[in-house]
Amino acid sequence: MKKVEAIIRKSKYSEVKEALHAVGVNFFSYWDVTGLGNEKEGHVYRGVSYSTSDIQRRYLSIVVNDDFAEATINAILKSAGTGEVGDGKIFISEIAESYRIRTGEKGGDTLK
């Protein structure tokens, strides 16, 4: 099993969610987060300069079976990208085991 963690623009969340549902990812967790990025420029609005160093993002946490990881990653890449600085990151890690609390069963079938 793989854990796919993605940090995306909040404005792209709906598109990413639809893309994940389209490939069969129907369960994941998400949080609103703030982070620091590589973008150093500020924005000026009506003569007032605003810092853009603190960036509002959405953090997704998705656990999938190994054979489903590539489809999940591609769905995020295609739907979250704008081609601009600040599109986000995807991280992949191994999951040793999973358990369904209700039944006590373990393994990849708990993800269905």
PDB file of N, CA and C in Angstrom:
ATOM      1  N   MET A   1       0.829  -1.174   0.000  1.00  0.00           N
ATOM      2  CA  MET A   1       0.000   0.000   0.000  1.00  0.00           C
ATOM      3  C   MET A   1       0.873   1.236   0.000  1.00  0.00           C
ATOM      4  N   LYS A   2       0.329   2.305  -0.576  1.00  0.00           N
ATOM      5  CA  LYS A   2       1.041   3.578  -0.651  1.00  0.00           C
ATOM      6  C   LYS A   2       0.193   4.672  -0.017  1.00  0.00           C
ATOM      7  N   LYS A   3       0.882   5.608   0.604  1.00  0.00           N
ATOM      8  CA  LYS A   3       0.224   6.816   1.093  1.00  0.00           C
ATOM      9  C   LYS A   3       0.635   7.945   0.159  1.00  0.00           C
ATOM     10  N   VAL A   4      -0.348   8.568  -0.459  1.00  0.00           N
ATOM     11  CA  VAL A   4      -0.122   9.692  -1.352  1.00  0.00           C
ATOM     12  C   VAL A   4      -0.534  10.946  -0.590  1.00  0.00           C
ATOM     13  N   GLU A   5       0.421  11.830  -0.372  1.00  0.00           N
ATOM     14  CA  GLU A   5       0.146  13.093   0.306  1.00  0.00           C
ATOM     15  C   GLU A   5       0.390  14.206  -0.705  1.00  0.00           C
ATOM     16  N   ALA A   6      -0.594  15.082  -0.843  1.00  0.00           N
ATOM     17  CA  ALA A   6      -0.479  16.166  -1.814  1.00  0.00           C
ATOM     18  C   ALA A   6      -0.807  17.485  -1.146  1.00  0.00           C
ATOM     19  N   ILE A   7      -0.026  18.487  -1.470  1.00  0.00           N
ATOM     20  CA  ILE A   7      -0.294  19.850  -1.039  1.00  0.00           C
ATOM     21  C   ILE A   7      -0.637  20.623  -2.307  1.00  0.00           C
ATOM     22  N   ILE A   8      -1.870  21.116  -2.387  1.00  0.00           N
ATOM     23  CA  ILE A   8      -2.357  21.740  -3.614  1.00  0.00           C
ATOM     24  C   ILE A   8      -2.919  23.137  -3.325  1.00  0.00           C
ATOM     25  N   ARG A   9      -3.146  23.891  -4.375  1.00  0.00           N
ATOM     26  CA  ARG A   9      -3.821  25.183  -4.246  1.00  0.00           C
ATOM     27  C   ARG A   9      -5.258  24.936  -3.800  1.00  0.00           C
ATOM     28  N   LYS A  10      -5.757  25.745  -2.879  1.00  0.00           N
ATOM     29  CA  LYS A  10      -7.150  25.597  -2.446  1.00  0.00           C
ATOM     30  C   LYS A  10      -8.109  25.795  -3.617  1.00  0.00           C
ATOM     31  N   SER A  11      -7.737  26.651  -4.541  1.00  0.00           N
ATOM     32  CA  SER A  11      -8.602  26.934  -5.686  1.00  0.00           C
ATOM     33  C   SER A  11      -8.734  25.744  -6.639  1.00  0.00           C
ATOM     34  N   LYS A  12      -7.833  24.767  -6.553  1.00  0.00           N
ATOM     35  CA  LYS A  12      -7.876  23.590  -7.426  1.00  0.00           C
ATOM     36  C   LYS A  12      -8.512  22.380  -6.753  1.00  0.00           C
ATOM     37  N   TYR A  13      -8.937  22.527  -5.508  1.00  0.00           N
ATOM     38  CA  TYR A  13      -9.453  21.385  -4.752  1.00  0.00           C
ATOM     39  C   TYR A  13     -10.636  20.702  -5.446  1.00  0.00           C
ATOM     40  N   SER A  14     -11.605  21.445  -5.924  1.00  0.00           N
ATOM     41  CA  SER A  14     -12.786  20.840  -6.559  1.00  0.00           C
ATOM     42  C   SER A  14     -12.391  20.017  -7.778  1.00  0.00           C
ATOM     43  N   GLU A  15     -11.487  20.549  -8.583  1.00  0.00           N
ATOM     44  CA  GLU A  15     -11.030  19.816  -9.768  1.00  0.00           C
ATOM     45  C   GLU A  15     -10.291  18.540  -9.377  1.00  0.00           C
ATOM     46  N   VAL A  16      -9.448  18.631  -8.361  1.00  0.00           N
ATOM     47  CA  VAL A  16      -8.695  17.458  -7.904  1.00  0.00           C
ATOM     48  C   VAL A  16      -9.657  16.411  -7.350  1.00  0.00           C
ATOM     49  N   LYS A  17     -10.625  16.830  -6.556  1.00  0.00           N
ATOM     50  CA  LYS A  17     -11.601  15.906  -5.984  1.00  0.00           C
ATOM     51  C   LYS A  17     -12.363  15.170  -7.099  1.00  0.00           C
ATOM     52  N   GLU A  18     -12.804  15.889  -8.106  1.00  0.00           N
ATOM     53  CA  GLU A  18     -13.513  15.270  -9.227  1.00  0.00           C
ATOM     54  C   GLU A  18     -12.623  14.297  -9.984  1.00  0.00           C
ATOM     55  N   ALA A  19     -11.362  14.674 -10.191  1.00  0.00           N
ATOM     56  CA  ALA A  19     -10.419  13.789 -10.889  1.00  0.00           C
ATOM     57  C   ALA A  19     -10.165  12.514 -10.092  1.00  0.00           C
ATOM     58  N   LEU A  20     -10.046  12.652  -8.770  1.00  0.00           N
ATOM     59  CA  LEU A  20      -9.842  11.462  -7.936  1.00  0.00           C
ATOM     60  C   LEU A  20     -11.064  10.558  -7.965  1.00  0.00           C
ATOM     61  N   HIS A  21     -12.258  11.140  -7.885  1.00  0.00           N
ATOM     62  CA  HIS A  21     -13.482  10.331  -7.973  1.00  0.00           C
ATOM     63  C   HIS A  21     -13.577   9.633  -9.325  1.00  0.00           C
ATOM     64  N   ALA A  22     -13.140  10.302 -10.394  1.00  0.00           N
ATOM     65  CA  ALA A  22     -13.201   9.733 -11.745  1.00  0.00           C
ATOM     66  C   ALA A  22     -12.329   8.489 -11.891  1.00  0.00           C
ATOM     67  N   VAL A  23     -11.220   8.420 -11.126  1.00  0.00           N
ATOM     68  CA  VAL A  23     -10.347   7.240 -11.211  1.00  0.00           C
ATOM     69  C   VAL A  23     -10.642   6.226 -10.109  1.00  0.00           C
ATOM     70  N   GLY A  24     -11.666   6.494  -9.294  1.00  0.00           N
ATOM     71  CA  GLY A  24     -12.076   5.514  -8.296  1.00  0.00           C
ATOM     72  C   GLY A  24     -11.590   5.753  -6.888  1.00  0.00           C
ATOM     73  N   VAL A  25     -10.978   6.910  -6.618  1.00  0.00           N
ATOM     74  CA  VAL A  25     -10.575   7.239  -5.249  1.00  0.00           C
ATOM     75  C   VAL A  25     -11.756   7.944  -4.604  1.00  0.00           C
ATOM     76  N   ASN A  26     -12.453   7.237  -3.738  1.00  0.00           N
ATOM     77  CA  ASN A  26     -13.666   7.770  -3.150  1.00  0.00           C
ATOM     78  C   ASN A  26     -13.524   8.139  -1.680  1.00  0.00           C
ATOM     79  N   PHE A  27     -12.373   7.869  -1.091  1.00  0.00           N
ATOM     80  CA  PHE A  27     -12.157   8.240   0.301  1.00  0.00           C
ATOM     81  C   PHE A  27     -10.759   8.811   0.459  1.00  0.00           C
ATOM     82  N   PHE A  28     -10.679   9.979   1.073  1.00  0.00           N
ATOM     83  CA  PHE A  28      -9.404  10.565   1.466  1.00  0.00           C
ATOM     84  C   PHE A  28      -9.682  11.621   2.522  1.00  0.00           C
ATOM     85  N   SER A  29      -8.642  12.014   3.211  1.00  0.00           N
ATOM     86  CA  SER A  29      -8.750  13.061   4.224  1.00  0.00           C
ATOM     87  C   SER A  29      -8.085  14.315   3.694  1.00  0.00           C
ATOM     88  N   TYR A  30      -8.541  15.472   4.177  1.00  0.00           N
ATOM     89  CA  TYR A  30      -7.893  16.720   3.786  1.00  0.00           C
ATOM     90  C   TYR A  30      -7.964  17.739   4.911  1.00  0.00           C
ATOM     91  N   TRP A  31      -7.011  18.649   4.881  1.00  0.00           N
ATOM     92  CA  TRP A  31      -6.913  19.725   5.864  1.00  0.00           C
ATOM     93  C   TRP A  31      -6.559  21.008   5.133  1.00  0.00           C
ATOM     94  N   ASP A  32      -7.033  22.126   5.670  1.00  0.00           N
ATOM     95  CA  ASP A  32      -6.564  23.425   5.217  1.00  0.00           C
ATOM     96  C   ASP A  32      -5.290  23.733   5.981  1.00  0.00           C
ATOM     97  N   VAL A  33      -4.242  24.097   5.253  1.00  0.00           N
ATOM     98  CA  VAL A  33      -2.942  24.347   5.868  1.00  0.00           C
ATOM     99  C   VAL A  33      -2.367  25.658   5.343  1.00  0.00           C
ATOM    100  N   THR A  34      -1.412  26.175   6.065  1.00  0.00           N
ATOM    101  CA  THR A  34      -0.658  27.349   5.637  1.00  0.00           C
ATOM    102  C   THR A  34       0.806  26.958   5.632  1.00  0.00           C
ATOM    103  N   GLY A  35       1.514  27.376   4.599  1.00  0.00           N
ATOM    104  CA  GLY A  35       2.921  27.040   4.513  1.00  0.00           C
ATOM    105  C   GLY A  35       3.725  28.172   3.917  1.00  0.00           C
ATOM    106  N   LEU A  36       5.010  27.974   3.886  1.00  0.00           N
ATOM    107  CA  LEU A  36       5.924  28.920   3.264  1.00  0.00           C
ATOM    108  C   LEU A  36       6.422  28.298   1.975  1.00  0.00           C
ATOM    109  N   GLY A  37       6.460  29.080   0.910  1.00  0.00           N
ATOM    110  CA  GLY A  37       6.898  28.560  -0.378  1.00  0.00           C
ATOM    111  C   GLY A  37       8.096  29.305  -0.913  1.00  0.00           C
ATOM    112  N   ASN A  38       8.434  28.981  -2.153  1.00  0.00           N
ATOM    113  CA  ASN A  38       9.582  29.612  -2.804  1.00  0.00           C
ATOM    114  C   ASN A  38       9.248  30.985  -3.366  1.00  0.00           C
ATOM    115  N   GLU A  39       7.976  31.305  -3.490  1.00  0.00           N
ATOM    116  CA  GLU A  39       7.581  32.597  -4.050  1.00  0.00           C
ATOM    117  C   GLU A  39       7.921  33.694  -3.053  1.00  0.00           C
ATOM    118  N   LYS A  40       8.736  34.634  -3.467  1.00  0.00           N
ATOM    119  CA  LYS A  40       9.220  35.686  -2.567  1.00  0.00           C
ATOM    120  C   LYS A  40       8.560  37.034  -2.836  1.00  0.00           C
ATOM    121  N   GLU A  41       7.849  37.154  -3.937  1.00  0.00           N
ATOM    122  CA  GLU A  41       7.276  38.444  -4.299  1.00  0.00           C
ATOM    123  C   GLU A  41       6.014  38.723  -3.501  1.00  0.00           C
ATOM    124  N   GLY A  42       5.783  39.995  -3.232  1.00  0.00           N
ATOM    125  CA  GLY A  42       4.533  40.418  -2.625  1.00  0.00           C
ATOM    126  C   GLY A  42       3.598  40.923  -3.713  1.00  0.00           C
ATOM    127  N   HIS A  43       2.352  41.096  -3.385  1.00  0.00           N
ATOM    128  CA  HIS A  43       1.381  41.640  -4.317  1.00  0.00           C
ATOM    129  C   HIS A  43       0.922  42.998  -3.804  1.00  0.00           C
ATOM    130  N   VAL A  44       0.653  43.902  -4.729  1.00  0.00           N
ATOM    131  CA  VAL A  44       0.168  45.228  -4.373  1.00  0.00           C
ATOM    132  C   VAL A  44      -1.285  45.324  -4.815  1.00  0.00           C
ATOM    133  N   TYR A  45      -2.150  45.669  -3.882  1.00  0.00           N
ATOM    134  CA  TYR A  45      -3.570  45.842  -4.170  1.00  0.00           C
ATOM    135  C   TYR A  45      -4.000  47.193  -3.634  1.00  0.00           C
ATOM    136  N   ARG A  46      -4.456  48.053  -4.523  1.00  0.00           N
ATOM    137  CA  ARG A  46      -4.883  49.412  -4.164  1.00  0.00           C
ATOM    138  C   ARG A  46      -3.818  50.151  -3.368  1.00  0.00           C
ATOM    139  N   GLY A  47      -2.588  49.993  -3.816  1.00  0.00           N
ATOM    140  CA  GLY A  47      -1.484  50.726  -3.215  1.00  0.00           C
ATOM    141  C   GLY A  47      -0.920  50.130  -1.945  1.00  0.00           C
ATOM    142  N   VAL A  48      -1.489  49.005  -1.480  1.00  0.00           N
ATOM    143  CA  VAL A  48      -1.008  48.358  -0.256  1.00  0.00           C
ATOM    144  C   VAL A  48      -0.308  47.061  -0.647  1.00  0.00           C
ATOM    145  N   SER A  49       0.907  46.879  -0.144  1.00  0.00           N
ATOM    146  CA  SER A  49       1.677  45.673  -0.438  1.00  0.00           C
ATOM    147  C   SER A  49       1.302  44.561   0.547  1.00  0.00           C
ATOM    148  N   TYR A  50       1.012  43.378  -0.007  1.00  0.00           N
ATOM    149  CA  TYR A  50       0.669  42.221   0.809  1.00  0.00           C
ATOM    150  C   TYR A  50       1.719  41.144   0.617  1.00  0.00           C
ATOM    151  N   SER A  51       2.135  40.534   1.708  1.00  0.00           N
ATOM    152  CA  SER A  51       3.103  39.437   1.646  1.00  0.00           C
ATOM    153  C   SER A  51       2.410  38.177   1.152  1.00  0.00           C
ATOM    154  N   THR A  52       3.080  37.461   0.246  1.00  0.00           N
ATOM    155  CA  THR A  52       2.539  36.182  -0.213  1.00  0.00           C
ATOM    156  C   THR A  52       3.404  35.027   0.272  1.00  0.00           C
ATOM    157  N   SER A  53       4.234  35.277   1.285  1.00  0.00           N
ATOM    158  CA  SER A  53       5.105  34.212   1.771  1.00  0.00           C
ATOM    159  C   SER A  53       4.322  33.155   2.553  1.00  0.00           C
ATOM    160  N   ASP A  54       3.214  33.541   3.194  1.00  0.00           N
ATOM    161  CA  ASP A  54       2.346  32.574   3.861  1.00  0.00           C
ATOM    162  C   ASP A  54       1.255  32.180   2.869  1.00  0.00           C
ATOM    163  N   ILE A  55       1.288  30.929   2.439  1.00  0.00           N
ATOM    164  CA  ILE A  55       0.433  30.480   1.346  1.00  0.00           C
ATOM    165  C   ILE A  55      -0.647  29.539   1.873  1.00  0.00           C
ATOM    166  N   GLN A  56      -1.901  29.827   1.558  1.00  0.00           N
ATOM    167  CA  GLN A  56      -3.020  28.968   1.933  1.00  0.00           C
ATOM    168  C   GLN A  56      -3.091  27.789   0.962  1.00  0.00           C
ATOM    169  N   ARG A  57      -3.100  26.581   1.490  1.00  0.00           N
ATOM    170  CA  ARG A  57      -3.123  25.369   0.670  1.00  0.00           C
ATOM    171  C   ARG A  57      -4.080  24.355   1.278  1.00  0.00           C
ATOM    172  N   ARG A  58      -4.316  23.291   0.547  1.00  0.00           N
ATOM    173  CA  ARG A  58      -5.092  22.160   1.042  1.00  0.00           C
ATOM    174  C   ARG A  58      -4.177  20.941   0.991  1.00  0.00           C
ATOM    175  N   TYR A  59      -4.168  20.192   2.096  1.00  0.00           N
ATOM    176  CA  TYR A  59      -3.317  19.012   2.246  1.00  0.00           C
ATOM    177  C   TYR A  59      -4.205  17.776   2.134  1.00  0.00           C
ATOM    178  N   LEU A  60      -3.905  16.890   1.184  1.00  0.00           N
ATOM    179  CA  LEU A  60      -4.672  15.662   0.982  1.00  0.00           C
ATOM    180  C   LEU A  60      -3.860  14.466   1.445  1.00  0.00           C
ATOM    181  N   SER A  61      -4.515  13.522   2.099  1.00  0.00           N
ATOM    182  CA  SER A  61      -3.884  12.285   2.522  1.00  0.00           C
ATOM    183  C   SER A  61      -4.719  11.125   1.987  1.00  0.00           C
ATOM    184  N   ILE A  62      -4.104  10.309   1.118  1.00  0.00           N
ATOM    185  CA  ILE A  62      -4.823   9.242   0.423  1.00  0.00           C
ATOM    186  C   ILE A  62      -4.016   7.952   0.559  1.00  0.00           C
ATOM    187  N   VAL A  63      -4.646   6.874   1.009  1.00  0.00           N
ATOM    188  CA  VAL A  63      -3.981   5.570   1.066  1.00  0.00           C
ATOM    189  C   VAL A  63      -4.630   4.676   0.016  1.00  0.00           C
ATOM    190  N   VAL A  64      -3.786   4.103  -0.865  1.00  0.00           N
ATOM    191  CA  VAL A  64      -4.278   3.260  -1.957  1.00  0.00           C
ATOM    192  C   VAL A  64      -3.433   1.995  -2.053  1.00  0.00           C
ATOM    193  N   ASN A  65      -3.982   0.972  -2.693  1.00  0.00           N
ATOM    194  CA  ASN A  65      -3.205  -0.227  -2.977  1.00  0.00           C
ATOM    195  C   ASN A  65      -2.115   0.123  -3.991  1.00  0.00           C
ATOM    196  N   ASP A  66      -1.020  -0.638  -3.983  1.00  0.00           N
ATOM    197  CA  ASP A  66       0.137  -0.345  -4.825  1.00  0.00           C
ATOM    198  C   ASP A  66      -0.230  -0.169  -6.292  1.00  0.00           C
ATOM    199  N   ASP A  67      -1.088  -1.020  -6.810  1.00  0.00           N
ATOM    200  CA  ASP A  67      -1.420  -0.964  -8.236  1.00  0.00           C
ATOM    201  C   ASP A  67      -2.297   0.238  -8.596  1.00  0.00           C
ATOM    202  N   PHE A  68      -2.750   0.963  -7.619  1.00  0.00           N
ATOM    203  CA  PHE A  68      -3.620   2.109  -7.845  1.00  0.00           C
ATOM    204  C   PHE A  68      -2.906   3.443  -7.626  1.00  0.00           C
ATOM    205  N   ALA A  69      -1.665   3.394  -7.165  1.00  0.00           N
ATOM    206  CA  ALA A  69      -0.932   4.623  -6.833  1.00  0.00           C
ATOM    207  C   ALA A  69      -0.694   5.491  -8.061  1.00  0.00           C
ATOM    208  N   GLU A  70      -0.289   4.892  -9.164  1.00  0.00           N
ATOM    209  CA  GLU A  70       0.031   5.671 -10.366  1.00  0.00           C
ATOM    210  C   GLU A  70      -1.177   6.435 -10.898  1.00  0.00           C
ATOM    211  N   ALA A  71      -2.346   5.800 -10.920  1.00  0.00           N
ATOM    212  CA  ALA A  71      -3.566   6.477 -11.376  1.00  0.00           C
ATOM    213  C   ALA A  71      -3.923   7.640 -10.459  1.00  0.00           C
ATOM    214  N   THR A  72      -3.722   7.455  -9.166  1.00  0.00           N
ATOM    215  CA  THR A  72      -3.997   8.501  -8.185  1.00  0.00           C
ATOM    216  C   THR A  72      -3.067   9.694  -8.394  1.00  0.00           C
ATOM    217  N   ILE A  73      -1.788   9.419  -8.552  1.00  0.00           N
ATOM    218  CA  ILE A  73      -0.795  10.477  -8.762  1.00  0.00           C
ATOM    219  C   ILE A  73      -1.087  11.241 -10.054  1.00  0.00           C
ATOM    220  N   ASN A  74      -1.370  10.515 -11.134  1.00  0.00           N
ATOM    221  CA  ASN A  74      -1.645  11.166 -12.414  1.00  0.00           C
ATOM    222  C   ASN A  74      -2.890  12.034 -12.351  1.00  0.00           C
ATOM    223  N   ALA A  75      -3.911  11.587 -11.631  1.00  0.00           N
ATOM    224  CA  ALA A  75      -5.134  12.384 -11.493  1.00  0.00           C
ATOM    225  C   ALA A  75      -4.824  13.715 -10.801  1.00  0.00           C
ATOM    226  N   ILE A  76      -3.984  13.667  -9.770  1.00  0.00           N
ATOM    227  CA  ILE A  76      -3.620  14.903  -9.061  1.00  0.00           C
ATOM    228  C   ILE A  76      -2.769  15.799  -9.954  1.00  0.00           C
ATOM    229  N   LEU A  77      -1.776  15.226 -10.621  1.00  0.00           N
ATOM    230  CA  LEU A  77      -0.898  16.015 -11.482  1.00  0.00           C
ATOM    231  C   LEU A  77      -1.679  16.749 -12.571  1.00  0.00           C
ATOM    232  N   LYS A  78      -2.610  16.048 -13.204  1.00  0.00           N
ATOM    233  CA  LYS A  78      -3.362  16.638 -14.317  1.00  0.00           C
ATOM    234  C   LYS A  78      -4.365  17.684 -13.852  1.00  0.00           C
ATOM    235  N   SER A  79      -4.950  17.502 -12.680  1.00  0.00           N
ATOM    236  CA  SER A  79      -6.010  18.404 -12.249  1.00  0.00           C
ATOM    237  C   SER A  79      -5.527  19.558 -11.377  1.00  0.00           C
ATOM    238  N   ALA A  80      -4.370  19.417 -10.727  1.00  0.00           N
ATOM    239  CA  ALA A  80      -3.910  20.444  -9.784  1.00  0.00           C
ATOM    240  C   ALA A  80      -2.970  21.456 -10.416  1.00  0.00           C
ATOM    241  N   GLY A  81      -2.428  21.135 -11.571  1.00  0.00           N
ATOM    242  CA  GLY A  81      -1.410  21.999 -12.150  1.00  0.00           C
ATOM    243  C   GLY A  81      -1.951  23.214 -12.879  1.00  0.00           C
ATOM    244  N   THR A  82      -1.242  24.328 -12.726  1.00  0.00           N
ATOM    245  CA  THR A  82      -1.534  25.544 -13.487  1.00  0.00           C
ATOM    246  C   THR A  82      -0.325  25.954 -14.320  1.00  0.00           C
ATOM    247  N   GLY A  83       0.818  25.364 -14.025  1.00  0.00           N
ATOM    248  CA  GLY A  83       2.050  25.747 -14.695  1.00  0.00           C
ATOM    249  C   GLY A  83       2.764  26.908 -14.026  1.00  0.00           C
ATOM    250  N   GLU A  84       2.213  27.402 -12.937  1.00  0.00           N
ATOM    251  CA  GLU A  84       2.783  28.535 -12.221  1.00  0.00           C
ATOM    252  C   GLU A  84       3.485  28.062 -10.949  1.00  0.00           C
ATOM    253  N   VAL A  85       4.370  28.913 -10.417  1.00  0.00           N
ATOM    254  CA  VAL A  85       5.015  28.638  -9.138  1.00  0.00           C
ATOM    255  C   VAL A  85       3.926  28.511  -8.079  1.00  0.00           C
ATOM    256  N   GLY A  86       4.043  27.511  -7.207  1.00  0.00           N
ATOM    257  CA  GLY A  86       3.083  27.354  -6.119  1.00  0.00           C
ATOM    258  C   GLY A  86       2.008  26.319  -6.369  1.00  0.00           C
ATOM    259  N   ASP A  87       2.164  25.501  -7.428  1.00  0.00           N
ATOM    260  CA  ASP A  87       1.162  24.464  -7.703  1.00  0.00           C
ATOM    261  C   ASP A  87       1.130  23.391  -6.629  1.00  0.00           C
ATOM    262  N   GLY A  88       2.234  23.173  -5.917  1.00  0.00           N
ATOM    263  CA  GLY A  88       2.225  22.225  -4.811  1.00  0.00           C
ATOM    264  C   GLY A  88       3.197  21.085  -4.984  1.00  0.00           C
ATOM    265  N   LYS A  89       3.023  20.075  -4.149  1.00  0.00           N
ATOM    266  CA  LYS A  89       3.915  18.912  -4.125  1.00  0.00           C
ATOM    267  C   LYS A  89       3.103  17.652  -3.872  1.00  0.00           C
ATOM    268  N   ILE A  90       3.673  16.508  -4.291  1.00  0.00           N
ATOM    269  CA  ILE A  90       3.108  15.186  -3.994  1.00  0.00           C
ATOM    270  C   ILE A  90       4.219  14.366  -3.348  1.00  0.00           C
ATOM    271  N   PHE A  91       3.886  13.680  -2.260  1.00  0.00           N
ATOM    272  CA  PHE A  91       4.836  12.815  -1.567  1.00  0.00           C
ATOM    273  C   PHE A  91       4.245  11.412  -1.493  1.00  0.00           C
ATOM    274  N   ILE A  92       5.079  10.397  -1.695  1.00  0.00           N
ATOM    275  CA  ILE A  92       4.639   9.006  -1.662  1.00  0.00           C
ATOM    276  C   ILE A  92       5.431   8.272  -0.583  1.00  0.00           C
ATOM    277  N   SER A  93       4.730   7.500   0.239  1.00  0.00           N
ATOM    278  CA  SER A  93       5.405   6.685   1.250  1.00  0.00           C
ATOM    279  C   SER A  93       4.725   5.320   1.326  1.00  0.00           C
ATOM    280  N   GLU A  94       5.446   4.374   1.910  1.00  0.00           N
ATOM    281  CA  GLU A  94       4.952   3.006   2.067  1.00  0.00           C
ATOM    282  C   GLU A  94       4.080   2.903   3.315  1.00  0.00           C
ATOM    283  N   ILE A  95       3.028   2.130   3.228  1.00  0.00           N
ATOM    284  CA  ILE A  95       2.189   1.807   4.372  1.00  0.00           C
ATOM    285  C   ILE A  95       2.370   0.312   4.653  1.00  0.00           C
ATOM    286  N   ALA A  96       2.796  -0.013   5.842  1.00  0.00           N
ATOM    287  CA  ALA A  96       3.086  -1.403   6.190  1.00  0.00           C
ATOM    288  C   ALA A  96       1.814  -2.237   6.339  1.00  0.00           C
ATOM    289  N   GLU A  97       0.769  -1.666   6.932  1.00  0.00           N
ATOM    290  CA  GLU A  97      -0.451  -2.444   7.188  1.00  0.00           C
ATOM    291  C   GLU A  97      -1.607  -1.506   7.446  1.00  0.00           C
ATOM    292  N   SER A  98      -2.811  -1.994   7.202  1.00  0.00           N
ATOM    293  CA  SER A  98      -4.011  -1.233   7.562  1.00  0.00           C
ATOM    294  C   SER A  98      -5.030  -2.190   8.169  1.00  0.00           C
ATOM    295  N   TYR A  99      -5.860  -1.655   9.046  1.00  0.00           N
ATOM    296  CA  TYR A  99      -6.891  -2.439   9.728  1.00  0.00           C
ATOM    297  C   TYR A  99      -8.224  -1.723   9.623  1.00  0.00           C
ATOM    298  N   ARG A 100      -9.286  -2.479   9.432  1.00  0.00           N
ATOM    299  CA  ARG A 100     -10.634  -1.932   9.512  1.00  0.00           C
ATOM    300  C   ARG A 100     -11.087  -2.108  10.953  1.00  0.00           C
ATOM    301  N   ILE A 101     -11.337  -1.032  11.642  1.00  0.00           N
ATOM    302  CA  ILE A 101     -11.667  -1.073  13.063  1.00  0.00           C
ATOM    303  C   ILE A 101     -12.956  -1.851  13.307  1.00  0.00           C
ATOM    304  N   ARG A 102     -13.959  -1.631  12.482  1.00  0.00           N
ATOM    305  CA  ARG A 102     -15.263  -2.267  12.699  1.00  0.00           C
ATOM    306  C   ARG A 102     -15.176  -3.789  12.707  1.00  0.00           C
ATOM    307  N   THR A 103     -14.419  -4.379  11.756  1.00  0.00           N
ATOM    308  CA  THR A 103     -14.398  -5.842  11.622  1.00  0.00           C
ATOM    309  C   THR A 103     -13.102  -6.482  12.096  1.00  0.00           C
ATOM    310  N   GLY A 104     -12.049  -5.696  12.242  1.00  0.00           N
ATOM    311  CA  GLY A 104     -10.762  -6.242  12.636  1.00  0.00           C
ATOM    312  C   GLY A 104      -9.974  -6.798  11.486  1.00  0.00           C
ATOM    313  N   GLU A 105     -10.530  -6.805  10.263  1.00  0.00           N
ATOM    314  CA  GLU A 105      -9.771  -7.339   9.125  1.00  0.00           C
ATOM    315  C   GLU A 105      -8.593  -6.421   8.812  1.00  0.00           C
ATOM    316  N   LYS A 106      -7.573  -7.002   8.145  1.00  0.00           N
ATOM    317  CA  LYS A 106      -6.388  -6.219   7.825  1.00  0.00           C
ATOM    318  C   LYS A 106      -5.983  -6.444   6.386  1.00  0.00           C
ATOM    319  N   GLY A 107      -5.120  -5.565   5.902  1.00  0.00           N
ATOM    320  CA  GLY A 107      -4.607  -5.697   4.551  1.00  0.00           C
ATOM    321  C   GLY A 107      -5.277  -4.766   3.555  1.00  0.00           C
ATOM    322  N   GLY A 108      -4.950  -4.960   2.287  1.00  0.00           N
ATOM    323  CA  GLY A 108      -5.419  -4.103   1.208  1.00  0.00           C
ATOM    324  C   GLY A 108      -6.915  -4.048   1.038  1.00  0.00           C
ATOM    325  N   ASP A 109      -7.627  -5.110   1.428  1.00  0.00           N
ATOM    326  CA  ASP A 109      -9.086  -5.112   1.290  1.00  0.00           C
ATOM    327  C   ASP A 109      -9.756  -4.086   2.199  1.00  0.00           C
ATOM    328  N   THR A 110      -9.048  -3.610   3.212  1.00  0.00           N
ATOM    329  CA  THR A 110      -9.640  -2.596   4.107  1.00  0.00           C
ATOM    330  C   THR A 110      -9.810  -1.266   3.394  1.00  0.00           C
ATOM    331  N   LEU A 111      -9.197  -1.099   2.246  1.00  0.00           N
ATOM    332  CA  LEU A 111      -9.270   0.164   1.503  1.00  0.00           C
ATOM    333  C   LEU A 111     -10.470   0.218   0.564  1.00  0.00           C
ATOM    334  N   LYS A 112     -11.214  -0.868   0.488  1.00  0.00           N
ATOM    335  CA  LYS A 112     -12.370  -0.913  -0.431  1.00  0.00           C
ATOM    336  C   LYS A 112     -13.636  -0.561   0.292  1.00  0.00           C
TER     337      LYS A 112
END
